[in-house]
N, C-alpha and C. Protein backbone atom coordinates (compact mmCIF):
# COMPACT_ATOMS: atom_id res chain seq x y z
N MET A 1 203.48 93.96 117.06
CA MET A 1 202.81 93.34 118.19
C MET A 1 201.44 93.99 118.38
N ILE A 2 200.44 93.19 118.62
CA ILE A 2 199.09 93.68 118.86
C ILE A 2 198.90 93.72 120.38
N ALA A 3 198.78 94.91 120.97
CA ALA A 3 198.70 95.06 122.42
C ALA A 3 197.31 94.78 122.97
N TYR A 4 196.28 95.19 122.23
CA TYR A 4 194.91 94.92 122.66
C TYR A 4 193.97 95.03 121.46
N LEU A 5 192.76 94.50 121.64
CA LEU A 5 191.71 94.61 120.63
C LEU A 5 190.50 95.24 121.29
N GLU A 6 189.90 96.19 120.60
CA GLU A 6 188.67 96.80 121.10
C GLU A 6 187.64 96.75 119.98
N GLY A 7 186.56 96.05 120.23
CA GLY A 7 185.52 95.90 119.22
C GLY A 7 184.38 95.07 119.75
N LYS A 8 183.53 94.60 118.86
CA LYS A 8 182.38 93.80 119.26
C LYS A 8 182.76 92.32 119.31
N VAL A 9 182.16 91.62 120.26
CA VAL A 9 182.35 90.17 120.35
C VAL A 9 181.48 89.55 119.26
N ALA A 10 182.12 88.97 118.23
CA ALA A 10 181.39 88.37 117.12
C ALA A 10 181.06 86.90 117.41
N TYR A 11 181.92 86.24 118.19
CA TYR A 11 181.73 84.84 118.55
C TYR A 11 182.43 84.60 119.87
N LYS A 12 181.82 83.75 120.68
CA LYS A 12 182.38 83.49 122.01
C LYS A 12 182.25 82.02 122.34
N ASP A 13 183.37 81.39 122.63
CA ASP A 13 183.45 79.97 122.94
C ASP A 13 184.39 79.85 124.15
N PRO A 14 184.27 78.80 124.98
CA PRO A 14 185.17 78.69 126.14
C PRO A 14 186.66 78.62 125.79
N ALA A 15 187.00 78.30 124.57
CA ALA A 15 188.42 78.19 124.19
C ALA A 15 188.90 79.35 123.32
N TYR A 16 187.99 80.00 122.60
CA TYR A 16 188.41 81.14 121.78
C TYR A 16 187.23 82.08 121.52
N ALA A 17 187.58 83.28 121.11
CA ALA A 17 186.57 84.28 120.77
C ALA A 17 186.99 84.96 119.48
N ILE A 18 186.03 85.55 118.80
CA ILE A 18 186.33 86.35 117.61
C ILE A 18 185.87 87.77 117.93
N ILE A 19 186.82 88.70 117.85
CA ILE A 19 186.54 90.10 118.13
C ILE A 19 186.52 90.85 116.80
N ASP A 20 185.40 91.49 116.49
CA ASP A 20 185.25 92.26 115.26
C ASP A 20 185.73 93.68 115.51
N VAL A 21 186.86 94.03 114.90
CA VAL A 21 187.41 95.37 115.03
C VAL A 21 187.24 96.07 113.67
N GLN A 22 186.22 96.89 113.56
CA GLN A 22 185.91 97.63 112.34
C GLN A 22 185.89 96.75 111.10
N GLY A 23 185.19 95.63 111.20
CA GLY A 23 185.01 94.75 110.05
C GLY A 23 186.05 93.67 109.89
N VAL A 24 187.07 93.64 110.74
CA VAL A 24 188.09 92.58 110.69
C VAL A 24 187.91 91.71 111.93
N GLY A 25 187.70 90.41 111.72
CA GLY A 25 187.50 89.49 112.84
C GLY A 25 188.81 88.86 113.27
N TYR A 26 189.20 89.10 114.50
CA TYR A 26 190.42 88.52 115.06
C TYR A 26 190.05 87.33 115.93
N GLU A 27 190.60 86.14 115.58
CA GLU A 27 190.39 84.96 116.41
C GLU A 27 191.41 84.99 117.53
N VAL A 28 190.92 84.89 118.75
CA VAL A 28 191.77 85.03 119.93
C VAL A 28 191.56 83.83 120.84
N ARG A 29 192.64 83.13 121.18
CA ARG A 29 192.55 82.02 122.14
C ARG A 29 192.41 82.62 123.53
N ILE A 30 191.50 82.06 124.32
CA ILE A 30 191.23 82.62 125.64
C ILE A 30 191.15 81.52 126.70
N SER A 31 191.28 81.92 127.95
CA SER A 31 191.10 81.01 129.08
C SER A 31 189.65 81.12 129.56
N LEU A 32 189.29 80.25 130.49
CA LEU A 32 187.95 80.32 131.06
C LEU A 32 187.75 81.60 131.86
N GLN A 33 188.84 82.13 132.45
CA GLN A 33 188.75 83.40 133.17
C GLN A 33 188.27 84.50 132.23
N THR A 34 188.88 84.56 131.06
CA THR A 34 188.51 85.59 130.08
C THR A 34 187.14 85.32 129.51
N TYR A 35 186.82 84.05 129.24
CA TYR A 35 185.50 83.69 128.72
C TYR A 35 184.40 84.20 129.66
N SER A 36 184.62 84.01 130.95
CA SER A 36 183.64 84.44 131.95
C SER A 36 183.50 85.96 131.99
N ALA A 37 184.59 86.66 131.72
CA ALA A 37 184.58 88.12 131.81
C ALA A 37 184.09 88.79 130.52
N LEU A 38 184.11 88.07 129.40
CA LEU A 38 183.67 88.67 128.14
C LEU A 38 182.17 88.95 128.15
N PRO A 39 181.75 90.08 127.55
CA PRO A 39 180.31 90.34 127.44
C PRO A 39 179.68 89.40 126.40
N GLU A 40 178.39 89.49 126.28
CA GLU A 40 177.67 88.64 125.32
C GLU A 40 178.01 89.02 123.87
N VAL A 41 177.70 88.11 122.95
CA VAL A 41 177.94 88.34 121.52
C VAL A 41 177.19 89.60 121.08
N GLY A 42 177.89 90.45 120.32
CA GLY A 42 177.31 91.68 119.83
C GLY A 42 177.63 92.89 120.69
N GLU A 43 178.13 92.66 121.90
CA GLU A 43 178.47 93.77 122.79
C GLU A 43 179.93 94.15 122.63
N LYS A 44 180.25 95.38 123.00
CA LYS A 44 181.60 95.91 122.87
C LYS A 44 182.50 95.35 123.97
N SER A 45 183.76 95.09 123.61
CA SER A 45 184.71 94.53 124.56
C SER A 45 186.12 95.01 124.23
N LYS A 46 186.96 95.02 125.24
CA LYS A 46 188.38 95.31 125.05
C LYS A 46 189.16 94.22 125.75
N ILE A 47 190.04 93.55 124.99
CA ILE A 47 190.86 92.51 125.59
C ILE A 47 192.33 92.77 125.29
N VAL A 48 193.15 92.48 126.28
CA VAL A 48 194.60 92.61 126.16
C VAL A 48 195.10 91.37 125.43
N THR A 49 196.07 91.52 124.53
CA THR A 49 196.49 90.38 123.72
C THR A 49 198.00 90.13 123.76
N TYR A 50 198.34 88.92 123.35
CA TYR A 50 199.74 88.52 123.16
C TYR A 50 199.79 87.74 121.85
N LEU A 51 200.67 88.13 120.95
CA LEU A 51 200.81 87.45 119.66
C LEU A 51 201.98 86.49 119.73
N ASN A 52 201.69 85.20 119.57
CA ASN A 52 202.72 84.16 119.58
C ASN A 52 203.04 83.80 118.14
N ILE A 53 204.27 84.06 117.72
CA ILE A 53 204.66 83.79 116.33
C ILE A 53 205.51 82.53 116.29
N ARG A 54 205.02 81.55 115.53
CA ARG A 54 205.76 80.29 115.32
C ARG A 54 206.03 80.14 113.83
N ASP A 55 206.81 79.13 113.49
CA ASP A 55 207.10 78.88 112.08
C ASP A 55 205.84 78.57 111.29
N ASP A 56 204.89 77.85 111.92
CA ASP A 56 203.71 77.40 111.20
C ASP A 56 202.44 78.19 111.49
N ALA A 57 202.49 79.15 112.43
CA ALA A 57 201.27 79.89 112.76
C ALA A 57 201.55 81.16 113.56
N HIS A 58 200.65 82.11 113.44
CA HIS A 58 200.63 83.30 114.28
C HIS A 58 199.35 83.17 115.12
N ILE A 59 199.51 83.00 116.43
CA ILE A 59 198.36 82.76 117.30
C ILE A 59 198.21 83.92 118.26
N LEU A 60 197.01 84.47 118.31
CA LEU A 60 196.71 85.59 119.19
C LEU A 60 196.01 85.06 120.45
N PHE A 61 196.57 85.40 121.61
CA PHE A 61 195.99 85.02 122.89
C PHE A 61 195.39 86.26 123.53
N GLY A 62 194.19 86.13 124.10
CA GLY A 62 193.51 87.28 124.68
C GLY A 62 193.22 87.10 126.16
N PHE A 63 193.21 88.23 126.87
CA PHE A 63 193.03 88.22 128.32
C PHE A 63 192.12 89.36 128.73
N ALA A 64 191.22 89.09 129.66
CA ALA A 64 190.29 90.11 130.14
C ALA A 64 191.01 91.18 130.95
N GLU A 65 192.06 90.79 131.65
CA GLU A 65 192.79 91.70 132.53
C GLU A 65 194.28 91.67 132.22
N PRO A 66 194.96 92.79 132.33
CA PRO A 66 196.42 92.80 132.14
C PRO A 66 197.14 91.87 133.10
N ASP A 67 196.57 91.68 134.30
CA ASP A 67 197.15 90.79 135.30
C ASP A 67 197.23 89.35 134.78
N GLU A 68 196.18 88.92 134.09
CA GLU A 68 196.15 87.56 133.54
C GLU A 68 197.22 87.41 132.45
N LYS A 69 197.38 88.44 131.62
CA LYS A 69 198.41 88.40 130.59
C LYS A 69 199.80 88.32 131.22
N THR A 70 200.03 89.09 132.28
CA THR A 70 201.33 89.07 132.96
C THR A 70 201.64 87.68 133.48
N LEU A 71 200.66 87.04 134.11
CA LEU A 71 200.86 85.68 134.61
C LEU A 71 201.11 84.70 133.46
N PHE A 72 200.36 84.85 132.37
CA PHE A 72 200.55 84.01 131.18
C PHE A 72 202.00 84.12 130.69
N LEU A 73 202.50 85.35 130.57
CA LEU A 73 203.87 85.55 130.09
C LEU A 73 204.90 84.98 131.07
N ASP A 74 204.62 85.09 132.36
CA ASP A 74 205.51 84.48 133.36
C ASP A 74 205.54 82.97 133.18
N LEU A 75 204.37 82.37 132.98
CA LEU A 75 204.28 80.92 132.84
C LEU A 75 204.98 80.42 131.58
N VAL A 76 204.78 81.11 130.44
CA VAL A 76 205.43 80.64 129.20
C VAL A 76 206.94 80.88 129.24
N GLY A 77 207.40 81.71 130.16
CA GLY A 77 208.83 81.92 130.34
C GLY A 77 209.52 80.77 131.04
N VAL A 78 208.75 79.86 131.62
CA VAL A 78 209.30 78.70 132.30
C VAL A 78 209.59 77.62 131.27
N SER A 79 210.76 77.03 131.33
CA SER A 79 211.15 75.97 130.41
C SER A 79 210.17 74.80 130.51
N GLY A 80 209.63 74.37 129.37
CA GLY A 80 208.71 73.24 129.35
C GLY A 80 207.23 73.65 129.42
N VAL A 81 206.97 74.95 129.58
CA VAL A 81 205.57 75.42 129.61
C VAL A 81 205.34 76.29 128.38
N GLY A 82 204.54 75.79 127.46
CA GLY A 82 204.22 76.55 126.25
C GLY A 82 202.92 77.30 126.42
N PRO A 83 202.54 78.07 125.40
CA PRO A 83 201.30 78.84 125.47
C PRO A 83 200.05 77.99 125.73
N ALA A 84 199.97 76.81 125.11
CA ALA A 84 198.78 75.97 125.31
C ALA A 84 198.70 75.48 126.76
N THR A 85 199.83 75.09 127.33
CA THR A 85 199.86 74.64 128.72
C THR A 85 199.51 75.78 129.66
N ALA A 86 200.06 76.97 129.39
CA ALA A 86 199.76 78.14 130.23
C ALA A 86 198.26 78.47 130.18
N LEU A 87 197.65 78.33 129.00
CA LEU A 87 196.22 78.59 128.87
C LEU A 87 195.40 77.57 129.65
N VAL A 88 195.83 76.30 129.63
CA VAL A 88 195.15 75.27 130.42
C VAL A 88 195.27 75.60 131.91
N MET A 89 196.44 76.07 132.33
CA MET A 89 196.64 76.44 133.73
C MET A 89 195.68 77.57 134.13
N LEU A 90 195.57 78.58 133.26
CA LEU A 90 194.69 79.71 133.54
C LEU A 90 193.22 79.34 133.45
N SER A 91 192.91 78.25 132.75
CA SER A 91 191.53 77.78 132.67
C SER A 91 191.18 76.89 133.86
N SER A 92 192.19 76.28 134.47
CA SER A 92 191.96 75.37 135.59
C SER A 92 191.82 76.10 136.91
N LEU A 93 192.65 77.12 137.11
CA LEU A 93 192.67 77.87 138.36
C LEU A 93 192.65 79.36 138.05
N SER A 94 192.19 80.16 139.00
CA SER A 94 192.23 81.60 138.80
C SER A 94 193.67 82.09 138.91
N SER A 95 193.93 83.29 138.43
CA SER A 95 195.28 83.86 138.51
C SER A 95 195.75 83.93 139.95
N SER A 96 194.86 84.33 140.86
CA SER A 96 195.26 84.44 142.26
C SER A 96 195.55 83.07 142.87
N GLU A 97 194.81 82.04 142.47
CA GLU A 97 195.06 80.69 142.98
C GLU A 97 196.41 80.18 142.50
N ILE A 98 196.74 80.44 141.23
CA ILE A 98 198.04 80.01 140.69
C ILE A 98 199.17 80.73 141.41
N ARG A 99 199.03 82.04 141.56
CA ARG A 99 200.07 82.81 142.26
C ARG A 99 200.24 82.34 143.70
N HIS A 100 199.13 82.12 144.38
CA HIS A 100 199.16 81.68 145.77
C HIS A 100 199.88 80.33 145.87
N ALA A 101 199.55 79.40 144.98
CA ALA A 101 200.20 78.08 144.99
C ALA A 101 201.70 78.19 144.74
N ILE A 102 202.10 79.05 143.82
CA ILE A 102 203.51 79.23 143.51
C ILE A 102 204.25 79.87 144.69
N MET A 103 203.67 80.92 145.25
CA MET A 103 204.33 81.61 146.37
C MET A 103 204.45 80.72 147.60
N ASN A 104 203.46 79.84 147.81
CA ASN A 104 203.49 78.94 148.96
C ASN A 104 204.16 77.60 148.64
N GLU A 105 204.73 77.51 147.44
CA GLU A 105 205.44 76.30 146.99
C GLU A 105 204.57 75.06 147.12
N ASP A 106 203.31 75.19 146.75
CA ASP A 106 202.34 74.10 146.83
C ASP A 106 202.36 73.29 145.53
N VAL A 107 203.27 72.33 145.46
CA VAL A 107 203.44 71.50 144.26
C VAL A 107 202.15 70.75 143.95
N ARG A 108 201.44 70.29 144.99
CA ARG A 108 200.23 69.49 144.80
C ARG A 108 199.18 70.26 144.00
N VAL A 109 198.98 71.54 144.32
CA VAL A 109 197.98 72.34 143.61
C VAL A 109 198.39 72.55 142.15
N VAL A 110 199.64 72.92 141.93
CA VAL A 110 200.10 73.15 140.55
C VAL A 110 200.04 71.84 139.75
N GLN A 111 200.40 70.74 140.39
CA GLN A 111 200.41 69.44 139.71
C GLN A 111 198.99 68.92 139.47
N SER A 112 197.99 69.45 140.18
CA SER A 112 196.61 69.00 139.99
C SER A 112 196.05 69.44 138.63
N ILE A 113 196.73 70.35 137.96
CA ILE A 113 196.29 70.82 136.64
C ILE A 113 196.64 69.77 135.60
N LYS A 114 195.68 69.45 134.76
CA LYS A 114 195.88 68.43 133.73
C LYS A 114 197.05 68.80 132.82
N GLY A 115 197.97 67.85 132.61
CA GLY A 115 199.11 68.08 131.73
C GLY A 115 200.35 68.58 132.46
N ILE A 116 200.23 68.84 133.77
CA ILE A 116 201.37 69.31 134.55
C ILE A 116 201.84 68.17 135.45
N GLY A 117 203.05 67.68 135.17
CA GLY A 117 203.64 66.63 135.99
C GLY A 117 204.39 67.22 137.16
N SER A 118 204.95 66.35 137.99
CA SER A 118 205.63 66.84 139.18
C SER A 118 206.87 67.66 138.84
N LYS A 119 207.62 67.25 137.83
CA LYS A 119 208.84 68.00 137.47
C LYS A 119 208.49 69.39 136.93
N THR A 120 207.47 69.47 136.10
CA THR A 120 207.06 70.78 135.56
C THR A 120 206.53 71.66 136.68
N ALA A 121 205.74 71.08 137.58
CA ALA A 121 205.20 71.84 138.71
C ALA A 121 206.34 72.39 139.56
N GLN A 122 207.32 71.56 139.84
CA GLN A 122 208.47 72.00 140.64
C GLN A 122 209.26 73.09 139.92
N ARG A 123 209.41 72.95 138.60
CA ARG A 123 210.14 73.94 137.82
C ARG A 123 209.41 75.29 137.82
N VAL A 124 208.08 75.24 137.66
CA VAL A 124 207.28 76.47 137.69
C VAL A 124 207.47 77.18 139.03
N ILE A 125 207.38 76.43 140.10
CA ILE A 125 207.53 77.01 141.44
C ILE A 125 208.94 77.56 141.63
N LEU A 126 209.94 76.78 141.27
CA LEU A 126 211.33 77.19 141.45
C LEU A 126 211.65 78.46 140.68
N GLU A 127 211.18 78.55 139.44
CA GLU A 127 211.52 79.69 138.59
C GLU A 127 210.68 80.94 138.88
N LEU A 128 209.47 80.77 139.46
CA LEU A 128 208.58 81.93 139.62
C LEU A 128 208.31 82.36 141.05
N LYS A 129 208.65 81.54 142.05
CA LYS A 129 208.25 81.88 143.43
C LYS A 129 208.82 83.22 143.90
N ASP A 130 210.09 83.48 143.63
CA ASP A 130 210.70 84.73 144.09
C ASP A 130 210.07 85.93 143.38
N LYS A 131 209.85 85.79 142.08
CA LYS A 131 209.22 86.88 141.31
C LYS A 131 207.81 87.16 141.82
N MET A 132 207.04 86.10 142.07
CA MET A 132 205.67 86.26 142.56
C MET A 132 205.66 86.94 143.93
N ARG A 133 206.57 86.52 144.80
CA ARG A 133 206.63 87.11 146.15
C ARG A 133 206.99 88.59 146.06
N LYS A 134 207.95 88.91 145.19
CA LYS A 134 208.37 90.30 145.02
C LYS A 134 207.21 91.14 144.45
N ASP A 135 206.52 90.60 143.44
CA ASP A 135 205.40 91.30 142.82
C ASP A 135 204.24 91.48 143.81
N SER A 136 204.00 90.50 144.67
CA SER A 136 202.88 90.60 145.61
C SER A 136 203.14 91.68 146.66
N LEU A 137 204.39 91.96 146.95
CA LEU A 137 204.71 93.04 147.88
C LEU A 137 204.48 94.40 147.24
N ALA A 138 204.69 94.46 145.93
CA ALA A 138 204.54 95.73 145.20
C ALA A 138 203.07 96.11 145.00
N SER A 139 202.23 95.13 144.70
CA SER A 139 200.81 95.44 144.48
C SER A 139 199.96 94.22 144.77
N PRO A 140 198.76 94.41 145.31
CA PRO A 140 197.87 93.28 145.59
C PRO A 140 197.36 92.67 144.29
N VAL A 141 197.15 91.36 144.31
CA VAL A 141 196.65 90.65 143.13
C VAL A 141 195.13 90.62 143.17
N PRO A 142 194.47 91.15 142.12
CA PRO A 142 193.01 91.12 142.11
C PRO A 142 192.49 89.71 141.91
N PHE A 143 191.35 89.41 142.51
CA PHE A 143 190.74 88.09 142.36
C PHE A 143 189.62 88.19 141.33
N LEU A 144 189.67 87.34 140.32
CA LEU A 144 188.61 87.33 139.30
C LEU A 144 187.47 86.45 139.80
N ALA A 145 186.31 86.99 139.81
CA ALA A 145 185.15 86.28 140.35
C ALA A 145 184.76 85.11 139.47
N GLY A 146 183.86 84.29 140.00
CA GLY A 146 183.45 83.03 139.40
C GLY A 146 182.91 83.10 137.99
N VAL A 147 182.39 81.97 137.56
CA VAL A 147 181.95 81.82 136.18
C VAL A 147 180.43 81.92 136.11
N SER A 148 179.92 82.21 134.93
CA SER A 148 178.48 82.35 134.78
C SER A 148 178.02 81.71 133.48
N GLY A 149 176.73 81.53 133.39
CA GLY A 149 176.14 81.02 132.16
C GLY A 149 176.08 79.51 132.13
N GLY A 150 175.12 78.96 131.38
CA GLY A 150 174.99 77.52 131.28
C GLY A 150 175.34 77.04 129.89
N SER A 151 175.66 75.77 129.79
CA SER A 151 176.00 75.23 128.49
C SER A 151 175.89 73.72 128.53
N THR A 152 176.30 73.05 127.44
CA THR A 152 176.14 71.62 127.35
C THR A 152 177.47 70.89 127.37
N ARG A 153 177.36 69.57 127.47
CA ARG A 153 178.53 68.70 127.47
C ARG A 153 179.32 68.86 126.17
N SER A 154 178.63 69.04 125.06
CA SER A 154 179.32 69.14 123.77
C SER A 154 180.18 70.40 123.67
N GLU A 155 179.71 71.51 124.27
CA GLU A 155 180.52 72.73 124.27
C GLU A 155 181.76 72.54 125.11
N ALA A 156 181.60 71.89 126.27
CA ALA A 156 182.75 71.62 127.15
C ALA A 156 183.73 70.70 126.44
N LEU A 157 183.22 69.68 125.73
CA LEU A 157 184.07 68.76 125.00
C LEU A 157 184.85 69.49 123.90
N ALA A 158 184.17 70.34 123.15
CA ALA A 158 184.84 71.10 122.08
C ALA A 158 185.95 71.99 122.65
N ALA A 159 185.66 72.62 123.78
CA ALA A 159 186.68 73.48 124.40
C ALA A 159 187.87 72.68 124.88
N LEU A 160 187.62 71.52 125.48
CA LEU A 160 188.73 70.67 125.97
C LEU A 160 189.60 70.19 124.81
N VAL A 161 188.97 69.82 123.71
CA VAL A 161 189.73 69.37 122.53
C VAL A 161 190.55 70.52 121.97
N THR A 162 189.98 71.72 121.94
CA THR A 162 190.70 72.91 121.47
C THR A 162 191.89 73.21 122.37
N LEU A 163 191.75 72.95 123.66
CA LEU A 163 192.84 73.17 124.61
C LEU A 163 193.93 72.10 124.50
N GLY A 164 193.71 71.08 123.66
CA GLY A 164 194.75 70.09 123.43
C GLY A 164 194.55 68.76 124.15
N ILE A 165 193.39 68.58 124.79
CA ILE A 165 193.10 67.32 125.48
C ILE A 165 192.58 66.33 124.43
N PRO A 166 193.10 65.08 124.39
CA PRO A 166 192.59 64.10 123.43
C PRO A 166 191.09 63.89 123.62
N LYS A 167 190.37 63.76 122.50
CA LYS A 167 188.91 63.69 122.55
C LYS A 167 188.42 62.55 123.42
N ALA A 168 189.02 61.37 123.30
CA ALA A 168 188.58 60.22 124.10
C ALA A 168 188.75 60.47 125.59
N ALA A 169 189.88 61.05 125.97
CA ALA A 169 190.13 61.35 127.38
C ALA A 169 189.16 62.42 127.89
N ALA A 170 188.89 63.43 127.06
CA ALA A 170 187.96 64.49 127.45
C ALA A 170 186.55 63.93 127.63
N GLU A 171 186.12 63.07 126.70
CA GLU A 171 184.78 62.48 126.79
C GLU A 171 184.65 61.64 128.06
N LYS A 172 185.67 60.82 128.33
CA LYS A 172 185.65 59.96 129.51
C LYS A 172 185.58 60.81 130.79
N SER A 173 186.38 61.84 130.84
CA SER A 173 186.40 62.72 132.01
C SER A 173 185.06 63.41 132.22
N LEU A 174 184.48 63.96 131.15
CA LEU A 174 183.18 64.64 131.25
C LEU A 174 182.08 63.67 131.67
N ASP A 175 182.08 62.47 131.08
CA ASP A 175 181.06 61.48 131.42
C ASP A 175 181.16 61.08 132.89
N THR A 176 182.38 60.93 133.39
CA THR A 176 182.59 60.58 134.80
C THR A 176 182.05 61.68 135.71
N ILE A 177 182.33 62.93 135.37
CA ILE A 177 181.86 64.07 136.18
C ILE A 177 180.34 64.13 136.18
N ILE A 178 179.72 64.00 135.00
CA ILE A 178 178.26 64.09 134.89
C ILE A 178 177.59 62.92 135.61
N LYS A 179 178.18 61.73 135.50
CA LYS A 179 177.62 60.56 136.18
C LYS A 179 177.72 60.72 137.70
N ARG A 180 178.85 61.25 138.18
CA ARG A 180 179.09 61.39 139.61
C ARG A 180 178.30 62.55 140.23
N GLU A 181 178.23 63.68 139.52
CA GLU A 181 177.67 64.89 140.12
C GLU A 181 176.38 65.38 139.47
N GLY A 182 175.95 64.75 138.42
CA GLY A 182 174.74 65.20 137.75
C GLY A 182 175.06 66.23 136.67
N ASP A 183 174.00 66.76 136.05
CA ASP A 183 174.17 67.64 134.90
C ASP A 183 173.87 69.11 135.24
N GLN A 184 174.16 69.51 136.48
CA GLN A 184 173.83 70.87 136.90
C GLN A 184 174.96 71.87 136.65
N HIS A 185 176.11 71.42 136.19
CA HIS A 185 177.27 72.31 136.00
C HIS A 185 177.17 73.15 134.73
N THR A 186 177.78 74.35 134.79
CA THR A 186 177.91 75.18 133.60
C THR A 186 179.07 74.63 132.78
N VAL A 187 179.22 75.10 131.56
CA VAL A 187 180.31 74.62 130.71
C VAL A 187 181.66 74.95 131.34
N GLU A 188 181.78 76.13 131.96
CA GLU A 188 183.05 76.52 132.59
C GLU A 188 183.39 75.58 133.74
N GLU A 189 182.39 75.25 134.57
CA GLU A 189 182.61 74.35 135.70
C GLU A 189 183.01 72.96 135.20
N LEU A 190 182.33 72.47 134.16
CA LEU A 190 182.68 71.16 133.60
C LEU A 190 184.12 71.14 133.11
N ILE A 191 184.53 72.19 132.42
CA ILE A 191 185.90 72.25 131.89
C ILE A 191 186.90 72.28 133.04
N LYS A 192 186.64 73.10 134.04
CA LYS A 192 187.56 73.17 135.20
C LYS A 192 187.69 71.82 135.88
N LEU A 193 186.55 71.15 136.09
CA LEU A 193 186.58 69.84 136.74
C LEU A 193 187.32 68.82 135.88
N ALA A 194 187.13 68.88 134.58
CA ALA A 194 187.81 67.94 133.68
C ALA A 194 189.31 68.19 133.60
N LEU A 195 189.72 69.42 133.80
CA LEU A 195 191.16 69.75 133.73
C LEU A 195 191.91 69.41 135.01
N ARG A 196 191.20 69.08 136.06
CA ARG A 196 191.87 68.76 137.33
C ARG A 196 192.23 67.31 137.42
């Protein structure tokens, strides 16, 4: 198991990053929370990781904070929520927003995430609410601050497709957002709005 990677950011995209650890580039799937927290390309970074081993692939997931990894592991522990869905959840809402929605049994907020239906939202809440409440009593949950940097529609589209959203649906969603609100959003904001 790879617990963390410490090295230079060789490539950074809203859906994945490549971390160069002494000449070996590790491709790591990331959420928008982690994307926002990563330093610029060429700078040193340390990210906490989770290695998902399947029959057809070994996929490394990376997180800026151990708290985000803990929530990711809690989410993938719920029946019907896989790593890709958990990553979409972490890209749509902050860790604290997800925890708050689960603890308050707010099905509407959890269901507002793209790809999460009412049954999955209810299952997530049912299986995690007690654990979240118990954990919140033990230690306060840090809030990860907003997103930064600007980007284009094409970067947002590429990230949405990487997250598993069909290209046609992603294009339609992005075009609707840009038409309704203008082109002032960063790539992270566009992705968040498209995932809702």
